[in-house]
Amino acid sequence: GDVPNNLKDHKVFSLDMGSLIAGAKYRGEFEERFKAVLNEVKKSQGRVILFIDELHTVVGAGKTEGSMDAGNLLKPMLARGELHCIGATTLNEYRQYIE
């Protein structure tokens, strides 16, 4: 198919938030898992695009007392252009959790 030149060398990976959260027993375990994923994305030097289905789950995901949630872990990389992301959610969930 036709792919824009600026996306030809890119790969899209689906980020399964449920799998990252599942089984996280102690404080910070989710944060460690998520940071490991983000480090792999960073190593790709911008050639990875993360697809996050149910994007609203990122808000507050993994948040425990004294730890950061997924949204706060994503922000610095997004701001620096180290992470490219596509998210999907419903309009109602967007309004409730993100807006």
C-alpha atoms as a PDB file:
ATOM      1  CA  GLY A   1       0.000   0.000   0.000  1.00  0.00           C
ATOM      2  CA  ASP A   2       0.851   3.646  -0.052  1.00  0.00           C
ATOM      3  CA  VAL A   3       2.810   4.755   2.989  1.00  0.00           C
ATOM      4  CA  PRO A   4       3.929   8.353   3.532  1.00  0.00           C
ATOM      5  CA  ASN A   5       7.712   8.705   3.329  1.00  0.00           C
ATOM      6  CA  ASN A   6       7.959   9.962   6.910  1.00  0.00           C
ATOM      7  CA  LEU A   7       6.384   6.700   8.189  1.00  0.00           C
ATOM      8  CA  LYS A   8       8.148   4.126   5.977  1.00  0.00           C
ATOM      9  CA  ASP A   9      10.721   3.049   8.566  1.00  0.00           C
ATOM     10  CA  HIS A  10       8.286   3.074  11.498  1.00  0.00           C
ATOM     11  CA  LYS A  11       6.649   0.174  13.314  1.00  0.00           C
ATOM     12  CA  VAL A  12       3.370   0.286  15.228  1.00  0.00           C
ATOM     13  CA  PHE A  13       3.151  -1.716  18.450  1.00  0.00           C
ATOM     14  CA  SER A  14       0.027  -2.195  20.528  1.00  0.00           C
ATOM     15  CA  LEU A  15       0.549  -1.463  24.219  1.00  0.00           C
ATOM     16  CA  ASP A  16      -1.586  -3.753  26.384  1.00  0.00           C
ATOM     17  CA  MET A  17      -2.042  -1.838  29.624  1.00  0.00           C
ATOM     18  CA  GLY A  18      -3.930  -4.744  31.215  1.00  0.00           C
ATOM     19  CA  SER A  19      -0.954  -7.060  30.771  1.00  0.00           C
ATOM     20  CA  LEU A  20       1.409  -4.511  32.299  1.00  0.00           C
ATOM     21  CA  ILE A  21      -0.833  -4.026  35.329  1.00  0.00           C
ATOM     22  CA  ALA A  22      -1.792  -7.696  35.794  1.00  0.00           C
ATOM     23  CA  GLY A  23       0.097  -9.402  38.577  1.00  0.00           C
ATOM     24  CA  ALA A  24       1.841  -6.265  39.832  1.00  0.00           C
ATOM     25  CA  LYS A  25       2.039  -7.231  43.491  1.00  0.00           C
ATOM     26  CA  TYR A  26       4.160  -4.585  45.118  1.00  0.00           C
ATOM     27  CA  ARG A  27       4.368  -0.826  44.865  1.00  0.00           C
ATOM     28  CA  GLY A  28       6.362   0.257  41.870  1.00  0.00           C
ATOM     29  CA  GLU A  29       6.237  -3.058  39.971  1.00  0.00           C
ATOM     30  CA  PHE A  30       3.908  -1.644  37.302  1.00  0.00           C
ATOM     31  CA  GLU A  31       6.096   1.465  37.095  1.00  0.00           C
ATOM     32  CA  GLU A  32       9.191  -0.710  36.501  1.00  0.00           C
ATOM     33  CA  ARG A  33       7.441  -2.688  33.756  1.00  0.00           C
ATOM     34  CA  PHE A  34       6.141   0.420  32.045  1.00  0.00           C
ATOM     35  CA  LYS A  35       9.531   2.158  32.208  1.00  0.00           C
ATOM     36  CA  ALA A  36      11.126  -0.912  30.590  1.00  0.00           C
ATOM     37  CA  VAL A  37       8.680  -0.632  27.677  1.00  0.00           C
ATOM     38  CA  LEU A  38       9.351   3.095  27.358  1.00  0.00           C
ATOM     39  CA  ASN A  39      13.120   2.511  27.392  1.00  0.00           C
ATOM     40  CA  GLU A  40      12.755   0.100  24.464  1.00  0.00           C
ATOM     41  CA  VAL A  41      10.712   2.717  22.609  1.00  0.00           C
ATOM     42  CA  LYS A  42      13.384   5.324  23.342  1.00  0.00           C
ATOM     43  CA  LYS A  43      16.091   3.022  21.924  1.00  0.00           C
ATOM     44  CA  SER A  44      14.178   2.912  18.618  1.00  0.00           C
ATOM     45  CA  GLN A  45      15.040   6.598  18.080  1.00  0.00           C
ATOM     46  CA  GLY A  46      11.499   7.566  17.105  1.00  0.00           C
ATOM     47  CA  ARG A  47      10.815   4.641  14.775  1.00  0.00           C
ATOM     48  CA  VAL A  48       8.179   3.068  17.056  1.00  0.00           C
ATOM     49  CA  ILE A  49       4.605   4.289  17.314  1.00  0.00           C
ATOM     50  CA  LEU A  50       2.669   2.984  20.315  1.00  0.00           C
ATOM     51  CA  PHE A  51      -1.013   2.238  19.836  1.00  0.00           C
ATOM     52  CA  ILE A  52      -2.946   2.365  23.115  1.00  0.00           C
ATOM     53  CA  ASP A  53      -6.479   1.008  22.930  1.00  0.00           C
ATOM     54  CA  GLU A  54      -8.732   2.234  25.721  1.00  0.00           C
ATOM     55  CA  LEU A  55      -6.473   5.267  26.120  1.00  0.00           C
ATOM     56  CA  HIS A  56      -8.466   6.482  29.109  1.00  0.00           C
ATOM     57  CA  THR A  57      -6.977   3.596  31.150  1.00  0.00           C
ATOM     58  CA  VAL A  58      -3.598   5.363  31.028  1.00  0.00           C
ATOM     59  CA  VAL A  59      -4.929   8.064  33.357  1.00  0.00           C
ATOM     60  CA  GLY A  60      -4.258   6.701  36.823  1.00  0.00           C
ATOM     61  CA  ALA A  61      -2.984   3.300  35.630  1.00  0.00           C
ATOM     62  CA  GLY A  62      -0.551   1.851  38.142  1.00  0.00           C
ATOM     63  CA  LYS A  63      -0.924   4.770  40.536  1.00  0.00           C
ATOM     64  CA  THR A  64      -0.219   3.898  44.126  1.00  0.00           C
ATOM     65  CA  GLU A  65       0.902   6.055  46.992  1.00  0.00           C
ATOM     66  CA  GLY A  66       4.368   7.360  46.230  1.00  0.00           C
ATOM     67  CA  SER A  67       4.466   6.211  42.602  1.00  0.00           C
ATOM     68  CA  MET A  68       3.700   7.783  39.245  1.00  0.00           C
ATOM     69  CA  ASP A  69       0.851   6.756  36.976  1.00  0.00           C
ATOM     70  CA  ALA A  70       1.281   5.801  33.326  1.00  0.00           C
ATOM     71  CA  GLY A  71       0.185   9.214  32.067  1.00  0.00           C
ATOM     72  CA  ASN A  72       2.882  10.994  34.047  1.00  0.00           C
ATOM     73  CA  LEU A  73       5.500   8.545  32.785  1.00  0.00           C
ATOM     74  CA  LEU A  74       4.494   9.232  29.169  1.00  0.00           C
ATOM     75  CA  LYS A  75       4.466  13.033  29.376  1.00  0.00           C
ATOM     76  CA  PRO A  76       8.229  13.753  29.336  1.00  0.00           C
ATOM     77  CA  MET A  77       8.865  11.488  26.344  1.00  0.00           C
ATOM     78  CA  LEU A  78       5.905  12.929  24.457  1.00  0.00           C
ATOM     79  CA  ALA A  79       7.077  16.476  25.184  1.00  0.00           C
ATOM     80  CA  ARG A  80      10.604  15.715  23.924  1.00  0.00           C
ATOM     81  CA  GLY A  81       9.327  13.929  20.807  1.00  0.00           C
ATOM     82  CA  GLU A  82      10.869  10.616  21.901  1.00  0.00           C
ATOM     83  CA  LEU A  83       7.500   8.871  21.838  1.00  0.00           C
ATOM     84  CA  HIS A  84       4.867   8.808  19.151  1.00  0.00           C
ATOM     85  CA  CYS A  85       1.501   7.539  20.265  1.00  0.00           C
ATOM     86  CA  ILE A  86      -1.941   6.792  18.861  1.00  0.00           C
ATOM     87  CA  GLY A  87      -4.800   6.265  21.267  1.00  0.00           C
ATOM     88  CA  ALA A  88      -8.376   5.086  20.954  1.00  0.00           C
ATOM     89  CA  THR A  89     -11.234   5.615  23.366  1.00  0.00           C
ATOM     90  CA  THR A  90     -14.886   6.574  23.257  1.00  0.00           C
ATOM     91  CA  LEU A  91     -16.026  10.174  23.357  1.00  0.00           C
ATOM     92  CA  ASN A  92     -17.736   9.630  26.718  1.00  0.00           C
ATOM     93  CA  GLU A  93     -14.633   8.048  28.277  1.00  0.00           C
ATOM     94  CA  TYR A  94     -12.484  10.839  26.843  1.00  0.00           C
ATOM     95  CA  ARG A  95     -14.719  13.433  28.453  1.00  0.00           C
ATOM     96  CA  GLN A  96     -14.855  11.573  31.771  1.00  0.00           C
ATOM     97  CA  TYR A  97     -11.189  10.661  32.232  1.00  0.00           C
ATOM     98  CA  ILE A  98      -9.045  12.832  29.983  1.00  0.00           C
ATOM     99  CA  GLU A  99     -10.697  16.174  29.258  1.00  0.00           C
END
